[in-house]
Amino acid sequence: MANNDMQCMLNDIGIVDFTLVDLMLYLDTHPTCKEAMEYYNHYVKVKNKMMKEFSMLYFPLTKEHAESTTEWRWGNAPLPWERSC
């Protein structure tokens, strides 16, 4: 079940990341839109929280989320050819 939970979390992070890319594209053409900037800032916080939670439960997705108090966890992720990514 943990693998399914991990996949769901990765999927949710991907959805938020897609939303951020879409907002960035919108902001490129509407740089003064305060509402879009508020949405962007909100989803940056959401993504950072999700990435931190994922890295604590499974493995860090970026080096910035590799912090740990007991061991260095960067590199613990399965490699793409291991079919668990």
Protein backbone atom coordinates (compact mmCIF):
# COMPACT_ATOMS: atom_id res chain seq x y z
CA MET A 1 0.00 0.00 0.00
CA ALA A 2 2.90 2.36 0.68
CA ASN A 3 3.97 2.21 -2.97
CA ASN A 4 0.43 3.22 -4.01
CA ASP A 5 0.49 6.11 -1.53
CA MET A 6 3.88 7.17 -2.88
CA GLN A 7 2.57 7.13 -6.45
CA CYS A 8 -0.47 9.19 -5.43
CA MET A 9 1.75 11.76 -3.74
CA LEU A 10 4.02 11.95 -6.81
CA ASN A 11 0.96 12.40 -9.01
CA ASP A 12 -0.36 15.21 -6.80
CA ILE A 13 3.04 16.95 -6.87
CA GLY A 14 2.98 16.68 -10.66
CA ILE A 15 -0.47 18.28 -10.80
CA VAL A 16 0.65 21.21 -8.66
CA ASP A 17 3.82 21.55 -10.74
CA PHE A 18 1.76 21.66 -13.95
CA THR A 19 -0.44 24.34 -12.37
CA LEU A 20 2.66 26.40 -11.56
CA VAL A 21 3.97 26.11 -15.13
CA ASP A 22 0.58 27.19 -16.47
CA LEU A 23 0.51 30.15 -14.08
CA MET A 24 4.05 31.14 -15.10
CA LEU A 25 3.02 31.15 -18.76
CA TYR A 26 0.01 33.31 -17.91
CA LEU A 27 2.15 35.68 -15.85
CA ASP A 28 4.55 36.02 -18.80
CA THR A 29 1.75 37.69 -20.73
CA HIS A 30 -0.05 39.30 -17.77
CA PRO A 31 2.75 40.38 -15.40
CA THR A 32 0.60 42.84 -13.47
CA CYS A 33 -2.25 40.43 -12.69
CA LYS A 34 -2.36 40.41 -8.90
CA GLU A 35 -4.83 37.53 -8.70
CA ALA A 36 -2.58 35.27 -10.81
CA MET A 37 0.43 36.24 -8.69
CA GLU A 38 -1.51 35.33 -5.54
CA TYR A 39 -2.40 31.95 -7.04
CA TYR A 40 1.22 31.41 -8.05
CA ASN A 41 2.54 32.23 -4.58
CA HIS A 42 -0.09 29.98 -3.01
CA TYR A 43 0.81 27.00 -5.19
CA VAL A 44 4.54 27.51 -4.62
CA LYS A 45 3.86 27.10 -0.90
CA VAL A 46 1.65 24.07 -1.53
CA LYS A 47 4.30 22.41 -3.71
CA ASN A 48 7.09 23.09 -1.21
CA LYS A 49 4.99 21.57 1.58
CA MET A 50 4.17 18.52 -0.55
CA MET A 51 7.82 18.05 -1.57
CA LYS A 52 8.97 18.29 2.04
CA GLU A 53 6.34 15.82 3.21
CA PHE A 54 7.24 13.40 0.41
CA SER A 55 10.94 13.63 1.19
CA MET A 56 10.33 12.85 4.85
CA LEU A 57 8.19 9.80 4.04
CA TYR A 58 10.11 8.34 1.09
CA PHE A 59 13.13 10.09 -0.45
CA PRO A 60 14.04 13.64 -1.45
CA LEU A 61 13.04 14.69 -4.96
CA THR A 62 15.54 17.57 -5.00
CA LYS A 63 18.78 18.22 -3.18
CA GLU A 64 17.07 21.09 -1.36
CA HIS A 65 14.78 18.54 0.32
CA ALA A 66 17.55 16.12 1.28
CA GLU A 67 17.93 17.48 4.81
CA SER A 68 17.92 14.94 7.58
CA THR A 69 19.14 14.93 11.13
CA THR A 70 20.45 11.37 11.13
CA GLU A 71 21.66 10.43 7.64
CA TRP A 72 22.31 11.76 4.15
CA ARG A 73 19.30 10.66 2.10
CA TRP A 74 20.07 12.15 -1.30
CA GLY A 75 20.43 9.29 -3.73
CA ASN A 76 18.02 6.95 -1.94
CA ALA A 77 15.47 7.26 -4.75
CA PRO A 78 15.03 4.32 -7.10
CA LEU A 79 16.80 4.75 -10.42
CA PRO A 80 14.63 5.14 -13.56
CA TRP A 81 15.56 1.69 -14.88
CA GLU A 82 14.45 0.07 -11.63
CA ARG A 83 10.81 0.58 -12.72
CA SER A 84 9.70 1.99 -9.41
CA CYS A 85 9.84 5.63 -10.47
